[in-house]
Amino acid sequence: ADAAACRHALASLPAAAYPVLLQRR
């Protein structure tokens, strides 16, 4: 929903998940 939730989601991903796409709704 916001930057804080995004940082939390990114921090919870393992290294193998990267690269990731941040896609706007």
mmCIF file of all heavy atoms, coordinates in Angstrom:
data_MODEL
# 
_entry.id   MODEL 
# 
loop_
_atom_site.group_PDB 
_atom_site.id 
_atom_site.type_symbol 
_atom_site.label_atom_id 
_atom_site.label_alt_id 
_atom_site.label_comp_id 
_atom_site.label_asym_id 
_atom_site.label_entity_id 
_atom_site.label_seq_id 
_atom_site.pdbx_PDB_ins_code 
_atom_site.Cartn_x 
_atom_site.Cartn_y 
_atom_site.Cartn_z 
_atom_site.occupancy 
_atom_site.B_iso_or_equiv 
_atom_site.pdbx_formal_charge 
_atom_site.auth_seq_id 
_atom_site.auth_comp_id 
_atom_site.auth_asym_id 
_atom_site.auth_atom_id 
_atom_site.pdbx_PDB_model_num 
ATOM 1   N N   . ALA A 1 1  ? 0.803  -1.223  0.000   1.00 0.00 ? 1  ALA A N   1 
ATOM 2   C CA  . ALA A 1 1  ? 0.000  0.000   0.000   1.00 0.00 ? 1  ALA A CA  1 
ATOM 3   C C   . ALA A 1 1  ? 0.834  1.269   0.000   1.00 0.00 ? 1  ALA A C   1 
ATOM 4   O O   . ALA A 1 1  ? 0.383  2.306   -0.468  1.00 0.00 ? 1  ALA A O   1 
ATOM 5   C CB  . ALA A 1 1  ? -0.933 -0.003  1.218   1.00 0.00 ? 1  ALA A CB  1 
ATOM 6   N N   . ASP A 1 2  ? 2.064  1.169   0.536   1.00 0.00 ? 2  ASP A N   1 
ATOM 7   C CA  . ASP A 1 2  ? 2.891  2.363   0.655   1.00 0.00 ? 2  ASP A CA  1 
ATOM 8   C C   . ASP A 1 2  ? 4.366  1.967   0.724   1.00 0.00 ? 2  ASP A C   1 
ATOM 9   O O   . ASP A 1 2  ? 4.704  0.784   0.683   1.00 0.00 ? 2  ASP A O   1 
ATOM 10  C CB  . ASP A 1 2  ? 2.483  3.173   1.893   1.00 0.00 ? 2  ASP A CB  1 
ATOM 11  C CG  . ASP A 1 2  ? 2.468  2.341   3.168   1.00 0.00 ? 2  ASP A CG  1 
ATOM 12  O OD1 . ASP A 1 2  ? 3.327  1.444   3.330   1.00 0.00 ? 2  ASP A OD1 1 
ATOM 13  O OD2 . ASP A 1 2  ? 1.600  2.582   4.026   1.00 0.00 ? 2  ASP A OD2 1 
ATOM 14  N N   . ALA A 1 3  ? 5.245  2.966   0.837   1.00 0.00 ? 3  ALA A N   1 
ATOM 15  C CA  . ALA A 1 3  ? 6.690  2.710   0.839   1.00 0.00 ? 3  ALA A CA  1 
ATOM 16  C C   . ALA A 1 3  ? 7.116  1.847   2.018   1.00 0.00 ? 3  ALA A C   1 
ATOM 17  O O   . ALA A 1 3  ? 7.992  0.985   1.874   1.00 0.00 ? 3  ALA A O   1 
ATOM 18  C CB  . ALA A 1 3  ? 7.454  4.025   0.824   1.00 0.00 ? 3  ALA A CB  1 
ATOM 19  N N   . ALA A 1 4  ? 6.509  2.042   3.174   1.00 0.00 ? 4  ALA A N   1 
ATOM 20  C CA  . ALA A 1 4  ? 6.883  1.246   4.349   1.00 0.00 ? 4  ALA A CA  1 
ATOM 21  C C   . ALA A 1 4  ? 6.559  -0.229  4.121   1.00 0.00 ? 4  ALA A C   1 
ATOM 22  O O   . ALA A 1 4  ? 7.370  -1.107  4.421   1.00 0.00 ? 4  ALA A O   1 
ATOM 23  C CB  . ALA A 1 4  ? 6.176  1.773   5.595   1.00 0.00 ? 4  ALA A CB  1 
ATOM 24  N N   . ALA A 1 5  ? 5.375  -0.512  3.588   1.00 0.00 ? 5  ALA A N   1 
ATOM 25  C CA  . ALA A 1 5  ? 4.993  -1.898  3.292   1.00 0.00 ? 5  ALA A CA  1 
ATOM 26  C C   . ALA A 1 5  ? 5.907  -2.478  2.216   1.00 0.00 ? 5  ALA A C   1 
ATOM 27  O O   . ALA A 1 5  ? 6.267  -3.658  2.266   1.00 0.00 ? 5  ALA A O   1 
ATOM 28  C CB  . ALA A 1 5  ? 3.537  -1.962  2.850   1.00 0.00 ? 5  ALA A CB  1 
ATOM 29  N N   . CYS A 1 6  ? 6.308  -1.651  1.277   1.00 0.00 ? 6  CYS A N   1 
ATOM 30  C CA  . CYS A 1 6  ? 7.214  -2.106  0.214   1.00 0.00 ? 6  CYS A CA  1 
ATOM 31  C C   . CYS A 1 6  ? 8.571  -2.492  0.800   1.00 0.00 ? 6  CYS A C   1 
ATOM 32  O O   . CYS A 1 6  ? 9.112  -3.546  0.476   1.00 0.00 ? 6  CYS A O   1 
ATOM 33  C CB  . CYS A 1 6  ? 7.360  -1.012  -0.831  1.00 0.00 ? 6  CYS A CB  1 
ATOM 34  S SG  . CYS A 1 6  ? 8.365  -1.505  -2.231  1.00 0.00 ? 6  CYS A SG  1 
ATOM 35  N N   . ARG A 1 7  ? 9.123  -1.641  1.660   1.00 0.00 ? 7  ARG A N   1 
ATOM 36  C CA  . ARG A 1 7  ? 10.411 -1.961  2.305   1.00 0.00 ? 7  ARG A CA  1 
ATOM 37  C C   . ARG A 1 7  ? 10.316 -3.264  3.093   1.00 0.00 ? 7  ARG A C   1 
ATOM 38  O O   . ARG A 1 7  ? 11.220 -4.101  3.046   1.00 0.00 ? 7  ARG A O   1 
ATOM 39  C CB  . ARG A 1 7  ? 10.860 -0.809  3.195   1.00 0.00 ? 7  ARG A CB  1 
ATOM 40  C CG  . ARG A 1 7  ? 11.474 0.339   2.438   1.00 0.00 ? 7  ARG A CG  1 
ATOM 41  C CD  . ARG A 1 7  ? 12.142 1.344   3.367   1.00 0.00 ? 7  ARG A CD  1 
ATOM 42  N NE  . ARG A 1 7  ? 11.175 2.098   4.130   1.00 0.00 ? 7  ARG A NE  1 
ATOM 43  C CZ  . ARG A 1 7  ? 10.551 3.202   3.685   1.00 0.00 ? 7  ARG A CZ  1 
ATOM 44  N NH1 . ARG A 1 7  ? 10.810 3.664   2.489   1.00 0.00 ? 7  ARG A NH1 1 
ATOM 45  N NH2 . ARG A 1 7  ? 9.691  3.825   4.445   1.00 0.00 ? 7  ARG A NH2 1 
ATOM 46  N N   . HIS A 1 8  ? 9.216  -3.448  3.804   1.00 0.00 ? 8  HIS A N   1 
ATOM 47  C CA  . HIS A 1 8  ? 9.020  -4.675  4.586   1.00 0.00 ? 8  HIS A CA  1 
ATOM 48  C C   . HIS A 1 8  ? 8.957  -5.896  3.658   1.00 0.00 ? 8  HIS A C   1 
ATOM 49  O O   . HIS A 1 8  ? 9.593  -6.920  3.932   1.00 0.00 ? 8  HIS A O   1 
ATOM 50  C CB  . HIS A 1 8  ? 7.748  -4.571  5.427   1.00 0.00 ? 8  HIS A CB  1 
ATOM 51  C CG  . HIS A 1 8  ? 7.449  -5.811  6.204   1.00 0.00 ? 8  HIS A CG  1 
ATOM 52  N ND1 . HIS A 1 8  ? 8.186  -6.203  7.300   1.00 0.00 ? 8  HIS A ND1 1 
ATOM 53  C CD2 . HIS A 1 8  ? 6.514  -6.766  6.024   1.00 0.00 ? 8  HIS A CD2 1 
ATOM 54  C CE1 . HIS A 1 8  ? 7.713  -7.349  7.759   1.00 0.00 ? 8  HIS A CE1 1 
ATOM 55  N NE2 . HIS A 1 8  ? 6.687  -7.703  7.002   1.00 0.00 ? 8  HIS A NE2 1 
ATOM 56  N N   . ALA A 1 9  ? 8.201  -5.793  2.560   1.00 0.00 ? 9  ALA A N   1 
ATOM 57  C CA  . ALA A 1 9  ? 8.088  -6.914  1.615   1.00 0.00 ? 9  ALA A CA  1 
ATOM 58  C C   . ALA A 1 9  ? 9.441  -7.243  0.995   1.00 0.00 ? 9  ALA A C   1 
ATOM 59  O O   . ALA A 1 9  ? 9.810  -8.413  0.870   1.00 0.00 ? 9  ALA A O   1 
ATOM 60  C CB  . ALA A 1 9  ? 7.069  -6.580  0.525   1.00 0.00 ? 9  ALA A CB  1 
ATOM 61  N N   . LEU A 1 10 ? 10.201 -6.217  0.630   1.00 0.00 ? 10 LEU A N   1 
ATOM 62  C CA  . LEU A 1 10 ? 11.520 -6.443  0.026   1.00 0.00 ? 10 LEU A CA  1 
ATOM 63  C C   . LEU A 1 10 ? 12.482 -7.087  1.031   1.00 0.00 ? 10 LEU A C   1 
ATOM 64  O O   . LEU A 1 10 ? 13.247 -7.980  0.682   1.00 0.00 ? 10 LEU A O   1 
ATOM 65  C CB  . LEU A 1 10 ? 12.104 -5.133  -0.501  1.00 0.00 ? 10 LEU A CB  1 
ATOM 66  C CG  . LEU A 1 10 ? 11.383 -4.535  -1.710  1.00 0.00 ? 10 LEU A CG  1 
ATOM 67  C CD1 . LEU A 1 10 ? 11.908 -3.140  -1.995  1.00 0.00 ? 10 LEU A CD1 1 
ATOM 68  C CD2 . LEU A 1 10 ? 11.515 -5.432  -2.918  1.00 0.00 ? 10 LEU A CD2 1 
ATOM 69  N N   . ALA A 1 11 ? 12.422 -6.642  2.276   1.00 0.00 ? 11 ALA A N   1 
ATOM 70  C CA  . ALA A 1 11 ? 13.311 -7.180  3.307   1.00 0.00 ? 11 ALA A CA  1 
ATOM 71  C C   . ALA A 1 11 ? 13.005 -8.644  3.625   1.00 0.00 ? 11 ALA A C   1 
ATOM 72  O O   . ALA A 1 11 ? 13.895 -9.381  4.054   1.00 0.00 ? 11 ALA A O   1 
ATOM 73  C CB  . ALA A 1 11 ? 13.210 -6.337  4.576   1.00 0.00 ? 11 ALA A CB  1 
ATOM 74  N N   . SER A 1 12 ? 11.767 -9.057  3.395   1.00 0.00 ? 12 SER A N   1 
ATOM 75  C CA  . SER A 1 12 ? 11.384 -10.435 3.724   1.00 0.00 ? 12 SER A CA  1 
ATOM 76  C C   . SER A 1 12 ? 11.724 -11.424 2.613   1.00 0.00 ? 12 SER A C   1 
ATOM 77  O O   . SER A 1 12 ? 11.610 -12.636 2.809   1.00 0.00 ? 12 SER A O   1 
ATOM 78  C CB  . SER A 1 12 ? 9.893  -10.511 4.041   1.00 0.00 ? 12 SER A CB  1 
ATOM 79  O OG  . SER A 1 12 ? 9.128  -10.274 2.880   1.00 0.00 ? 12 SER A OG  1 
ATOM 80  N N   . LEU A 1 13 ? 12.149 -10.933 1.454   1.00 0.00 ? 13 LEU A N   1 
ATOM 81  C CA  . LEU A 1 13 ? 12.466 -11.822 0.337   1.00 0.00 ? 13 LEU A CA  1 
ATOM 82  C C   . LEU A 1 13 ? 13.876 -12.383 0.463   1.00 0.00 ? 13 LEU A C   1 
ATOM 83  O O   . LEU A 1 13 ? 14.796 -11.673 0.851   1.00 0.00 ? 13 LEU A O   1 
ATOM 84  C CB  . LEU A 1 13 ? 12.353 -11.061 -0.996  1.00 0.00 ? 13 LEU A CB  1 
ATOM 85  C CG  . LEU A 1 13 ? 10.956 -10.676 -1.430  1.00 0.00 ? 13 LEU A CG  1 
ATOM 86  C CD1 . LEU A 1 13 ? 11.019 -9.767  -2.657  1.00 0.00 ? 13 LEU A CD1 1 
ATOM 87  C CD2 . LEU A 1 13 ? 10.130 -11.921 -1.731  1.00 0.00 ? 13 LEU A CD2 1 
ATOM 88  N N   . PRO A 1 14 ? 14.058 -13.650 0.086   1.00 0.00 ? 14 PRO A N   1 
ATOM 89  C CA  . PRO A 1 14 ? 15.410 -14.213 0.065   1.00 0.00 ? 14 PRO A CA  1 
ATOM 90  C C   . PRO A 1 14 ? 16.193 -13.632 -1.118  1.00 0.00 ? 14 PRO A C   1 
ATOM 91  O O   . PRO A 1 14 ? 15.612 -13.128 -2.090  1.00 0.00 ? 14 PRO A O   1 
ATOM 92  C CB  . PRO A 1 14 ? 15.168 -15.708 -0.125  1.00 0.00 ? 14 PRO A CB  1 
ATOM 93  C CG  . PRO A 1 14 ? 13.850 -15.797 -0.811  1.00 0.00 ? 14 PRO A CG  1 
ATOM 94  C CD  . PRO A 1 14 ? 13.041 -14.627 -0.308  1.00 0.00 ? 14 PRO A CD  1 
ATOM 95  N N   . ALA A 1 15 ? 17.498 -13.730 -1.066  1.00 0.00 ? 15 ALA A N   1 
ATOM 96  C CA  . ALA A 1 15 ? 18.357 -13.196 -2.130  1.00 0.00 ? 15 ALA A CA  1 
ATOM 97  C C   . ALA A 1 15 ? 18.007 -13.794 -3.489  1.00 0.00 ? 15 ALA A C   1 
ATOM 98  O O   . ALA A 1 15 ? 18.078 -13.111 -4.519  1.00 0.00 ? 15 ALA A O   1 
ATOM 99  C CB  . ALA A 1 15 ? 19.818 -13.446 -1.797  1.00 0.00 ? 15 ALA A CB  1 
ATOM 100 N N   . ALA A 1 16 ? 17.582 -15.060 -3.516  1.00 0.00 ? 16 ALA A N   1 
ATOM 101 C CA  . ALA A 1 16 ? 17.251 -15.725 -4.778  1.00 0.00 ? 16 ALA A CA  1 
ATOM 102 C C   . ALA A 1 16 ? 16.013 -15.145 -5.448  1.00 0.00 ? 16 ALA A C   1 
ATOM 103 O O   . ALA A 1 16 ? 15.757 -15.421 -6.621  1.00 0.00 ? 16 ALA A O   1 
ATOM 104 C CB  . ALA A 1 16 ? 17.064 -17.220 -4.555  1.00 0.00 ? 16 ALA A CB  1 
ATOM 105 N N   . ALA A 1 17 ? 15.249 -14.328 -4.742  1.00 0.00 ? 17 ALA A N   1 
ATOM 106 C CA  . ALA A 1 17 ? 14.060 -13.711 -5.329  1.00 0.00 ? 17 ALA A CA  1 
ATOM 107 C C   . ALA A 1 17 ? 14.419 -12.545 -6.240  1.00 0.00 ? 17 ALA A C   1 
ATOM 108 O O   . ALA A 1 17 ? 13.616 -12.139 -7.068  1.00 0.00 ? 17 ALA A O   1 
ATOM 109 C CB  . ALA A 1 17 ? 13.128 -13.210 -4.224  1.00 0.00 ? 17 ALA A CB  1 
ATOM 110 N N   . TYR A 1 18 ? 15.612 -12.029 -6.084  1.00 0.00 ? 18 TYR A N   1 
ATOM 111 C CA  . TYR A 1 18 ? 16.026 -10.851 -6.854  1.00 0.00 ? 18 TYR A CA  1 
ATOM 112 C C   . TYR A 1 18 ? 16.568 -11.247 -8.211  1.00 0.00 ? 18 TYR A C   1 
ATOM 113 O O   . TYR A 1 18 ? 17.134 -12.322 -8.347  1.00 0.00 ? 18 TYR A O   1 
ATOM 114 C CB  . TYR A 1 18 ? 17.070 -10.062 -6.060  1.00 0.00 ? 18 TYR A CB  1 
ATOM 115 C CG  . TYR A 1 18 ? 16.442 -9.342  -4.892  1.00 0.00 ? 18 TYR A CG  1 
ATOM 116 C CD1 . TYR A 1 18 ? 16.232 -10.009 -3.692  1.00 0.00 ? 18 TYR A CD1 1 
ATOM 117 C CD2 . TYR A 1 18 ? 16.038 -8.032  -5.013  1.00 0.00 ? 18 TYR A CD2 1 
ATOM 118 C CE1 . TYR A 1 18 ? 15.626 -9.371  -2.626  1.00 0.00 ? 18 TYR A CE1 1 
ATOM 119 C CE2 . TYR A 1 18 ? 15.443 -7.380  -3.941  1.00 0.00 ? 18 TYR A CE2 1 
ATOM 120 C CZ  . TYR A 1 18 ? 15.238 -8.053  -2.754  1.00 0.00 ? 18 TYR A CZ  1 
ATOM 121 O OH  . TYR A 1 18 ? 14.632 -7.420  -1.702  1.00 0.00 ? 18 TYR A OH  1 
ATOM 122 N N   . PRO A 1 19 ? 16.370 -10.395 -9.226  1.00 0.00 ? 19 PRO A N   1 
ATOM 123 C CA  . PRO A 1 19 ? 15.783 -9.067  -9.159  1.00 0.00 ? 19 PRO A CA  1 
ATOM 124 C C   . PRO A 1 19 ? 14.267 -9.150  -9.010  1.00 0.00 ? 19 PRO A C   1 
ATOM 125 O O   . PRO A 1 19 ? 13.647 -10.150 -9.362  1.00 0.00 ? 19 PRO A O   1 
ATOM 126 C CB  . PRO A 1 19 ? 16.147 -8.445  -10.505 1.00 0.00 ? 19 PRO A CB  1 
ATOM 127 C CG  . PRO A 1 19 ? 16.295 -9.605  -11.426 1.00 0.00 ? 19 PRO A CG  1 
ATOM 128 C CD  . PRO A 1 19 ? 16.805 -10.741 -10.573 1.00 0.00 ? 19 PRO A CD  1 
ATOM 129 N N   . VAL A 1 20 ? 13.679 -8.087  -8.479  1.00 0.00 ? 20 VAL A N   1 
ATOM 130 C CA  . VAL A 1 20 ? 12.236 -8.004  -8.329  1.00 0.00 ? 20 VAL A CA  1 
ATOM 131 C C   . VAL A 1 20 ? 11.728 -6.810  -9.132  1.00 0.00 ? 20 VAL A C   1 
ATOM 132 O O   . VAL A 1 20 ? 12.474 -5.872  -9.429  1.00 0.00 ? 20 VAL A O   1 
ATOM 133 C CB  . VAL A 1 20 ? 11.790 -7.874  -6.854  1.00 0.00 ? 20 VAL A CB  1 
ATOM 134 C CG1 . VAL A 1 20 ? 12.195 -9.080  -6.049  1.00 0.00 ? 20 VAL A CG1 1 
ATOM 135 C CG2 . VAL A 1 20 ? 12.314 -6.608  -6.227  1.00 0.00 ? 20 VAL A CG2 1 
ATOM 136 N N   . LEU A 1 21 ? 10.462 -6.875  -9.456  1.00 0.00 ? 21 LEU A N   1 
ATOM 137 C CA  . LEU A 1 21 ? 9.792  -5.792  -10.156 1.00 0.00 ? 21 LEU A CA  1 
ATOM 138 C C   . LEU A 1 21 ? 8.834  -5.141  -9.182  1.00 0.00 ? 21 LEU A C   1 
ATOM 139 O O   . LEU A 1 21 ? 8.068  -5.835  -8.514  1.00 0.00 ? 21 LEU A O   1 
ATOM 140 C CB  . LEU A 1 21 ? 9.019  -6.348  -11.359 1.00 0.00 ? 21 LEU A CB  1 
ATOM 141 C CG  . LEU A 1 21 ? 8.073  -5.395  -12.086 1.00 0.00 ? 21 LEU A CG  1 
ATOM 142 C CD1 . LEU A 1 21 ? 8.879  -4.308  -12.809 1.00 0.00 ? 21 LEU A CD1 1 
ATOM 143 C CD2 . LEU A 1 21 ? 7.215  -6.163  -13.073 1.00 0.00 ? 21 LEU A CD2 1 
ATOM 144 N N   . LEU A 1 22 ? 8.896  -3.834  -9.076  1.00 0.00 ? 22 LEU A N   1 
ATOM 145 C CA  . LEU A 1 22 ? 7.904  -3.089  -8.316  1.00 0.00 ? 22 LEU A CA  1 
ATOM 146 C C   . LEU A 1 22 ? 6.966  -2.496  -9.353  1.00 0.00 ? 22 LEU A C   1 
ATOM 147 O O   . LEU A 1 22 ? 7.355  -1.624  -10.129 1.00 0.00 ? 22 LEU A O   1 
ATOM 148 C CB  . LEU A 1 22 ? 8.545  -1.994  -7.468  1.00 0.00 ? 22 LEU A CB  1 
ATOM 149 C CG  . LEU A 1 22 ? 7.560  -1.138  -6.666  1.00 0.00 ? 22 LEU A CG  1 
ATOM 150 C CD1 . LEU A 1 22 ? 6.751  -1.992  -5.685  1.00 0.00 ? 22 LEU A CD1 1 
ATOM 151 C CD2 . LEU A 1 22 ? 8.304  -0.034  -5.926  1.00 0.00 ? 22 LEU A CD2 1 
ATOM 152 N N   . GLN A 1 23 ? 5.761  -3.027  -9.410  1.00 0.00 ? 23 GLN A N   1 
ATOM 153 C CA  . GLN A 1 23 ? 4.810  -2.632  -10.450 1.00 0.00 ? 23 GLN A CA  1 
ATOM 154 C C   . GLN A 1 23 ? 3.668  -1.843  -9.845  1.00 0.00 ? 23 GLN A C   1 
ATOM 155 O O   . GLN A 1 23 ? 3.001  -2.303  -8.920  1.00 0.00 ? 23 GLN A O   1 
ATOM 156 C CB  . GLN A 1 23 ? 4.261  -3.870  -11.159 1.00 0.00 ? 23 GLN A CB  1 
ATOM 157 C CG  . GLN A 1 23 ? 3.321  -3.538  -12.277 1.00 0.00 ? 23 GLN A CG  1 
ATOM 158 C CD  . GLN A 1 23 ? 2.838  -4.781  -13.012 1.00 0.00 ? 23 GLN A CD  1 
ATOM 159 O OE1 . GLN A 1 23 ? 3.289  -5.894  -12.746 1.00 0.00 ? 23 GLN A OE1 1 
ATOM 160 N NE2 . GLN A 1 23 ? 1.924  -4.597  -13.919 1.00 0.00 ? 23 GLN A NE2 1 
ATOM 161 N N   . ARG A 1 24 ? 3.465  -0.659  -10.382 1.00 0.00 ? 24 ARG A N   1 
ATOM 162 C CA  . ARG A 1 24 ? 2.368  0.193   -9.954  1.00 0.00 ? 24 ARG A CA  1 
ATOM 163 C C   . ARG A 1 24 ? 1.048  -0.470  -10.343 1.00 0.00 ? 24 ARG A C   1 
ATOM 164 O O   . ARG A 1 24 ? 0.939  -1.084  -11.391 1.00 0.00 ? 24 ARG A O   1 
ATOM 165 C CB  . ARG A 1 24 ? 2.501  1.537   -10.657 1.00 0.00 ? 24 ARG A CB  1 
ATOM 166 C CG  . ARG A 1 24 ? 1.496  2.541   -10.240 1.00 0.00 ? 24 ARG A CG  1 
ATOM 167 C CD  . ARG A 1 24 ? 1.772  3.829   -10.984 1.00 0.00 ? 24 ARG A CD  1 
ATOM 168 N NE  . ARG A 1 24 ? 1.178  4.931   -10.279 1.00 0.00 ? 24 ARG A NE  1 
ATOM 169 C CZ  . ARG A 1 24 ? 1.255  6.170   -10.671 1.00 0.00 ? 24 ARG A CZ  1 
ATOM 170 N NH1 . ARG A 1 24 ? 1.940  6.481   -11.748 1.00 0.00 ? 24 ARG A NH1 1 
ATOM 171 N NH2 . ARG A 1 24 ? 0.675  7.119   -9.979  1.00 0.00 ? 24 ARG A NH2 1 
ATOM 172 N N   . ARG A 1 25 ? 0.059  -0.339  -9.499  1.00 0.00 ? 25 ARG A N   1 
ATOM 173 C CA  . ARG A 1 25 ? -1.260 -0.895  -9.819  1.00 0.00 ? 25 ARG A CA  1 
ATOM 174 C C   . ARG A 1 25 ? -1.853 -0.101  -10.977 1.00 0.00 ? 25 ARG A C   1 
ATOM 175 O O   . ARG A 1 25 ? -1.896 1.123   -10.944 1.00 0.00 ? 25 ARG A O   1 
ATOM 176 C CB  . ARG A 1 25 ? -2.184 -0.840  -8.621  1.00 0.00 ? 25 ARG A CB  1 
ATOM 177 C CG  . ARG A 1 25 ? -3.513 -1.466  -8.927  1.00 0.00 ? 25 ARG A CG  1 
ATOM 178 C CD  . ARG A 1 25 ? -4.451 -1.409  -7.751  1.00 0.00 ? 25 ARG A CD  1 
ATOM 179 N NE  . ARG A 1 25 ? -5.696 -1.988  -8.153  1.00 0.00 ? 25 ARG A NE  1 
ATOM 180 C CZ  . ARG A 1 25 ? -6.207 -3.078  -7.622  1.00 0.00 ? 25 ARG A CZ  1 
ATOM 181 N NH1 . ARG A 1 25 ? -5.582 -3.694  -6.665  1.00 0.00 ? 25 ARG A NH1 1 
ATOM 182 N NH2 . ARG A 1 25 ? -7.352 -3.537  -8.047  1.00 0.00 ? 25 ARG A NH2 1 
# 
